Amino acid sequence: MKTEIHRSASRQPYLDRDVDAAGNDDVAAVVRDIRGILGKTPLAVVRTRGGAHVLVKRRQLDPAVKASFYGELQALGQRLDGLLEIRGDAMVPVPGSSQGGAVPRLLRE
């Protein structure tokens, strides 16, 4: 399963926002901020040991935010104690597997 999921990265059908929390970061609040920035774009959120991966299908990106979302996400990342990385080819932990002693979970929308 991992091989098939990670193979799709070569086609880059998803954009991945990797939220690595630190200090006073509240992962749930950061995900809410990302939702606000991305408008009506549907998201999938995988909670991980130290943060979350927010996945967006490129084809479903809200046209109203296409021109502005990247800069707004960078500004959000600068306000965080941890990291907010924007990747097109990240290795996303598979929900239900093991990641450093923790189990990644897919959050329901």
N, C-alpha and C. Protein backbone atom coordinates (compact mmCIF):
# COMPACT_ATOMS: atom_id res chain seq x y z
N MET A 1 0.83 -1.19 0.00
CA MET A 1 0.00 0.00 0.00
C MET A 1 0.87 1.25 0.00
N LYS A 2 1.90 1.27 0.85
CA LYS A 2 2.77 2.44 0.90
C LYS A 2 3.41 2.71 -0.46
N THR A 3 3.83 1.67 -1.15
CA THR A 3 4.46 1.84 -2.44
C THR A 3 3.52 2.54 -3.41
N GLU A 4 2.27 2.12 -3.46
CA GLU A 4 1.31 2.71 -4.39
C GLU A 4 1.02 4.16 -4.05
N ILE A 5 0.86 4.46 -2.77
CA ILE A 5 0.58 5.84 -2.36
C ILE A 5 1.77 6.73 -2.69
N HIS A 6 2.96 6.29 -2.39
CA HIS A 6 4.13 7.12 -2.63
C HIS A 6 4.49 7.19 -4.11
N ARG A 7 4.08 6.20 -4.89
CA ARG A 7 4.32 6.25 -6.32
C ARG A 7 3.56 7.41 -6.95
N SER A 8 2.38 7.74 -6.41
CA SER A 8 1.59 8.83 -6.97
C SER A 8 2.30 10.16 -6.87
N ALA A 9 3.29 10.27 -5.98
CA ALA A 9 4.03 11.53 -5.84
C ALA A 9 4.74 11.91 -7.13
N SER A 10 5.10 10.92 -7.95
CA SER A 10 5.77 11.25 -9.20
C SER A 10 4.83 11.98 -10.16
N ARG A 11 3.52 11.78 -10.02
CA ARG A 11 2.54 12.50 -10.83
C ARG A 11 2.10 13.78 -10.14
N GLN A 12 2.36 13.91 -8.86
CA GLN A 12 2.01 15.04 -8.02
C GLN A 12 0.53 15.45 -8.12
N PRO A 13 -0.39 14.49 -7.89
CA PRO A 13 -1.80 14.86 -7.90
C PRO A 13 -2.21 15.63 -6.65
N TYR A 14 -1.40 15.57 -5.59
CA TYR A 14 -1.71 16.26 -4.34
C TYR A 14 -0.63 17.26 -3.99
N LEU A 15 -1.05 18.35 -3.36
CA LEU A 15 -0.13 19.25 -2.68
C LEU A 15 -0.17 18.87 -1.22
N ASP A 16 0.98 18.87 -0.58
CA ASP A 16 1.07 18.46 0.82
C ASP A 16 1.58 19.63 1.64
N ARG A 17 0.85 19.98 2.69
CA ARG A 17 1.31 20.95 3.66
C ARG A 17 1.71 20.15 4.88
N ASP A 18 2.98 20.15 5.19
CA ASP A 18 3.50 19.38 6.31
C ASP A 18 3.62 20.32 7.50
N VAL A 19 2.82 20.09 8.53
CA VAL A 19 2.81 20.93 9.72
C VAL A 19 3.60 20.20 10.80
N ASP A 20 4.76 20.71 11.14
CA ASP A 20 5.58 20.16 12.22
C ASP A 20 5.49 21.12 13.39
N ALA A 21 4.72 20.74 14.39
CA ALA A 21 4.46 21.63 15.52
C ALA A 21 5.65 21.70 16.46
N ALA A 22 5.80 22.85 17.11
CA ALA A 22 6.84 23.05 18.12
C ALA A 22 6.37 24.16 19.05
N GLY A 23 6.97 24.23 20.22
CA GLY A 23 6.66 25.32 21.15
C GLY A 23 5.19 25.44 21.45
N ASN A 24 4.62 26.60 21.15
CA ASN A 24 3.22 26.89 21.46
C ASN A 24 2.27 26.59 20.31
N ASP A 25 2.74 25.94 19.26
CA ASP A 25 1.87 25.65 18.12
C ASP A 25 0.74 24.71 18.52
N ASP A 26 -0.45 25.03 18.09
CA ASP A 26 -1.63 24.19 18.27
C ASP A 26 -1.97 23.65 16.89
N VAL A 27 -1.73 22.37 16.67
CA VAL A 27 -1.90 21.78 15.33
C VAL A 27 -3.32 21.99 14.82
N ALA A 28 -4.33 21.80 15.66
CA ALA A 28 -5.72 21.98 15.23
C ALA A 28 -5.95 23.42 14.76
N ALA A 29 -5.37 24.40 15.47
CA ALA A 29 -5.54 25.81 15.08
C ALA A 29 -4.82 26.09 13.76
N VAL A 30 -3.65 25.48 13.56
CA VAL A 30 -2.92 25.67 12.31
C VAL A 30 -3.72 25.09 11.15
N VAL A 31 -4.31 23.92 11.34
CA VAL A 31 -5.13 23.30 10.29
C VAL A 31 -6.33 24.19 9.99
N ARG A 32 -6.95 24.77 11.01
CA ARG A 32 -8.07 25.70 10.79
C ARG A 32 -7.61 26.91 9.98
N ASP A 33 -6.42 27.43 10.29
CA ASP A 33 -5.88 28.56 9.52
C ASP A 33 -5.66 28.19 8.07
N ILE A 34 -5.14 26.98 7.84
CA ILE A 34 -4.92 26.51 6.47
C ILE A 34 -6.25 26.40 5.74
N ARG A 35 -7.27 25.87 6.42
CA ARG A 35 -8.61 25.79 5.82
C ARG A 35 -9.09 27.17 5.39
N GLY A 36 -8.89 28.16 6.27
CA GLY A 36 -9.31 29.53 5.95
C GLY A 36 -8.59 30.08 4.73
N ILE A 37 -7.32 29.79 4.62
CA ILE A 37 -6.52 30.28 3.48
C ILE A 37 -6.95 29.61 2.18
N LEU A 38 -7.29 28.32 2.24
CA LEU A 38 -7.62 27.57 1.03
C LEU A 38 -9.08 27.66 0.59
N GLY A 39 -9.87 28.44 1.30
CA GLY A 39 -11.25 28.67 0.89
C GLY A 39 -12.08 27.40 0.83
N LYS A 40 -12.70 27.16 -0.32
CA LYS A 40 -13.61 26.01 -0.48
C LYS A 40 -12.89 24.75 -0.94
N THR A 41 -11.59 24.77 -0.95
CA THR A 41 -10.81 23.61 -1.37
C THR A 41 -11.01 22.46 -0.38
N PRO A 42 -11.42 21.27 -0.85
CA PRO A 42 -11.54 20.13 0.06
C PRO A 42 -10.16 19.66 0.53
N LEU A 43 -10.07 19.30 1.80
CA LEU A 43 -8.81 18.87 2.41
C LEU A 43 -8.92 17.48 2.99
N ALA A 44 -7.79 16.80 3.07
CA ALA A 44 -7.66 15.58 3.85
C ALA A 44 -6.54 15.85 4.85
N VAL A 45 -6.75 15.49 6.11
CA VAL A 45 -5.77 15.76 7.15
C VAL A 45 -5.33 14.45 7.77
N VAL A 46 -4.02 14.20 7.77
CA VAL A 46 -3.44 13.03 8.42
C VAL A 46 -2.67 13.54 9.63
N ARG A 47 -3.16 13.24 10.84
CA ARG A 47 -2.46 13.62 12.07
C ARG A 47 -1.29 12.68 12.26
N THR A 48 -0.14 13.22 12.57
CA THR A 48 1.07 12.45 12.76
C THR A 48 1.62 12.66 14.17
N ARG A 49 2.71 12.02 14.47
CA ARG A 49 3.30 12.09 15.81
C ARG A 49 3.57 13.52 16.23
N GLY A 50 4.14 14.35 15.36
CA GLY A 50 4.51 15.70 15.75
C GLY A 50 3.76 16.79 15.04
N GLY A 51 2.67 16.47 14.37
CA GLY A 51 1.94 17.49 13.64
C GLY A 51 0.88 16.90 12.74
N ALA A 52 0.91 17.28 11.46
CA ALA A 52 -0.11 16.81 10.52
C ALA A 52 0.38 17.03 9.09
N HIS A 53 -0.24 16.30 8.17
CA HIS A 53 -0.09 16.55 6.75
C HIS A 53 -1.46 16.94 6.24
N VAL A 54 -1.55 18.08 5.58
CA VAL A 54 -2.80 18.55 4.99
C VAL A 54 -2.66 18.35 3.50
N LEU A 55 -3.52 17.49 2.94
CA LEU A 55 -3.45 17.12 1.53
C LEU A 55 -4.57 17.77 0.74
N VAL A 56 -4.20 18.29 -0.44
CA VAL A 56 -5.15 18.96 -1.32
C VAL A 56 -4.97 18.39 -2.72
N LYS A 57 -6.07 17.96 -3.34
CA LYS A 57 -5.98 17.54 -4.73
C LYS A 57 -5.78 18.79 -5.58
N ARG A 58 -4.74 18.78 -6.39
CA ARG A 58 -4.44 19.95 -7.22
C ARG A 58 -5.64 20.35 -8.08
N ARG A 59 -6.34 19.36 -8.61
CA ARG A 59 -7.48 19.65 -9.49
C ARG A 59 -8.63 20.33 -8.75
N GLN A 60 -8.68 20.17 -7.43
CA GLN A 60 -9.80 20.70 -6.66
C GLN A 60 -9.47 22.01 -5.94
N LEU A 61 -8.31 22.59 -6.23
CA LEU A 61 -7.93 23.84 -5.60
C LEU A 61 -8.94 24.93 -5.98
N ASP A 62 -9.47 25.62 -4.99
CA ASP A 62 -10.46 26.68 -5.18
C ASP A 62 -9.87 27.76 -6.09
N PRO A 63 -10.49 28.04 -7.24
CA PRO A 63 -9.96 29.05 -8.16
C PRO A 63 -9.83 30.44 -7.52
N ALA A 64 -10.65 30.71 -6.52
CA ALA A 64 -10.62 32.02 -5.87
C ALA A 64 -9.34 32.24 -5.07
N VAL A 65 -8.63 31.17 -4.72
CA VAL A 65 -7.42 31.32 -3.90
C VAL A 65 -6.14 30.93 -4.64
N LYS A 66 -6.26 30.50 -5.88
CA LYS A 66 -5.07 30.03 -6.62
C LYS A 66 -3.95 31.05 -6.65
N ALA A 67 -4.27 32.32 -6.80
CA ALA A 67 -3.23 33.34 -6.94
C ALA A 67 -2.62 33.75 -5.60
N SER A 68 -3.32 33.49 -4.49
CA SER A 68 -2.87 34.04 -3.21
C SER A 68 -2.48 33.01 -2.16
N PHE A 69 -2.88 31.75 -2.32
CA PHE A 69 -2.72 30.79 -1.23
C PHE A 69 -1.27 30.54 -0.85
N TYR A 70 -0.38 30.49 -1.82
CA TYR A 70 1.01 30.14 -1.53
C TYR A 70 1.65 31.20 -0.62
N GLY A 71 1.49 32.46 -0.94
CA GLY A 71 2.05 33.53 -0.12
C GLY A 71 1.43 33.57 1.27
N GLU A 72 0.14 33.31 1.36
CA GLU A 72 -0.54 33.31 2.66
C GLU A 72 -0.06 32.14 3.52
N LEU A 73 0.17 30.99 2.91
CA LEU A 73 0.70 29.85 3.66
C LEU A 73 2.13 30.12 4.13
N GLN A 74 2.93 30.78 3.29
CA GLN A 74 4.29 31.14 3.71
C GLN A 74 4.24 32.09 4.91
N ALA A 75 3.34 33.07 4.88
CA ALA A 75 3.20 34.01 5.99
C ALA A 75 2.77 33.29 7.27
N LEU A 76 1.85 32.33 7.13
CA LEU A 76 1.43 31.53 8.28
C LEU A 76 2.62 30.77 8.84
N GLY A 77 3.41 30.17 7.98
CA GLY A 77 4.59 29.42 8.41
C GLY A 77 5.59 30.27 9.17
N GLN A 78 5.71 31.53 8.80
CA GLN A 78 6.65 32.42 9.48
C GLN A 78 6.18 32.78 10.89
N ARG A 79 4.87 32.67 11.13
CA ARG A 79 4.33 32.98 12.46
C ARG A 79 4.41 31.79 13.42
N LEU A 80 4.75 30.61 12.91
CA LEU A 80 4.76 29.41 13.74
C LEU A 80 6.10 29.20 14.43
N ASP A 81 6.05 28.50 15.57
CA ASP A 81 7.28 28.07 16.24
C ASP A 81 7.93 26.93 15.48
N GLY A 82 7.09 26.05 14.91
CA GLY A 82 7.59 24.90 14.16
C GLY A 82 7.70 25.23 12.68
N LEU A 83 7.40 24.25 11.83
CA LEU A 83 7.53 24.42 10.40
C LEU A 83 6.21 24.19 9.69
N LEU A 84 6.00 24.91 8.61
CA LEU A 84 4.91 24.64 7.69
C LEU A 84 5.56 24.55 6.33
N GLU A 85 5.75 23.32 5.87
CA GLU A 85 6.41 23.10 4.59
C GLU A 85 5.37 22.78 3.53
N ILE A 86 5.61 23.32 2.35
CA ILE A 86 4.72 23.06 1.22
C ILE A 86 5.48 22.18 0.25
N ARG A 87 4.96 21.00 0.03
CA ARG A 87 5.65 20.04 -0.82
C ARG A 87 4.69 19.47 -1.85
N GLY A 88 5.25 19.08 -2.97
CA GLY A 88 4.46 18.39 -3.97
C GLY A 88 4.79 16.92 -4.04
N ASP A 89 5.85 16.52 -3.33
CA ASP A 89 6.29 15.13 -3.47
C ASP A 89 6.68 14.52 -2.13
N ALA A 90 6.00 14.90 -1.08
CA ALA A 90 6.36 14.42 0.26
C ALA A 90 5.97 12.97 0.47
N MET A 91 6.65 12.35 1.40
CA MET A 91 6.32 10.99 1.81
C MET A 91 5.34 11.11 2.97
N VAL A 92 4.08 10.92 2.71
CA VAL A 92 3.04 11.07 3.71
C VAL A 92 2.88 9.75 4.46
N PRO A 93 2.88 9.79 5.81
CA PRO A 93 2.67 8.55 6.56
C PRO A 93 1.30 7.96 6.25
N VAL A 94 1.24 6.65 6.13
CA VAL A 94 -0.01 5.97 5.83
C VAL A 94 -0.82 5.82 7.11
N PRO A 95 -2.07 6.34 7.12
CA PRO A 95 -2.91 6.19 8.32
C PRO A 95 -3.02 4.72 8.73
N GLY A 96 -2.89 4.48 10.04
CA GLY A 96 -2.98 3.13 10.57
C GLY A 96 -1.65 2.40 10.65
N SER A 97 -0.61 2.95 10.03
CA SER A 97 0.71 2.33 10.09
C SER A 97 1.44 2.84 11.33
N SER A 98 2.71 2.56 11.44
CA SER A 98 3.48 3.01 12.59
C SER A 98 4.47 4.08 12.15
N GLN A 99 4.57 5.14 12.94
CA GLN A 99 5.49 6.23 12.64
C GLN A 99 6.18 6.63 13.94
N GLY A 100 7.35 6.12 14.18
CA GLY A 100 8.10 6.48 15.38
C GLY A 100 7.35 6.20 16.67
N GLY A 101 6.65 5.08 16.73
CA GLY A 101 5.92 4.71 17.94
C GLY A 101 4.52 5.29 18.02
N ALA A 102 4.12 6.08 17.04
CA ALA A 102 2.76 6.65 17.00
C ALA A 102 2.04 6.11 15.77
N VAL A 103 0.72 6.23 15.77
CA VAL A 103 -0.09 5.76 14.65
C VAL A 103 -0.74 6.96 13.96
N PRO A 104 -0.34 7.27 12.71
CA PRO A 104 -0.99 8.36 11.97
C PRO A 104 -2.48 8.08 11.80
N ARG A 105 -3.29 9.14 11.94
CA ARG A 105 -4.75 8.99 11.83
C ARG A 105 -5.29 9.94 10.77
N LEU A 106 -6.23 9.47 9.97
CA LEU A 106 -6.94 10.30 9.02
C LEU A 106 -8.10 10.94 9.76
N LEU A 107 -8.15 12.27 9.78
CA LEU A 107 -9.22 12.96 10.48
C LEU A 107 -10.44 13.08 9.58
N ARG A 108 -11.60 12.89 10.17
CA ARG A 108 -12.84 13.02 9.42
C ARG A 108 -13.20 14.48 9.26
N GLU A 109 -13.75 14.78 8.10
CA GLU A 109 -14.17 16.16 7.82
C GLU A 109 -15.62 16.35 8.15
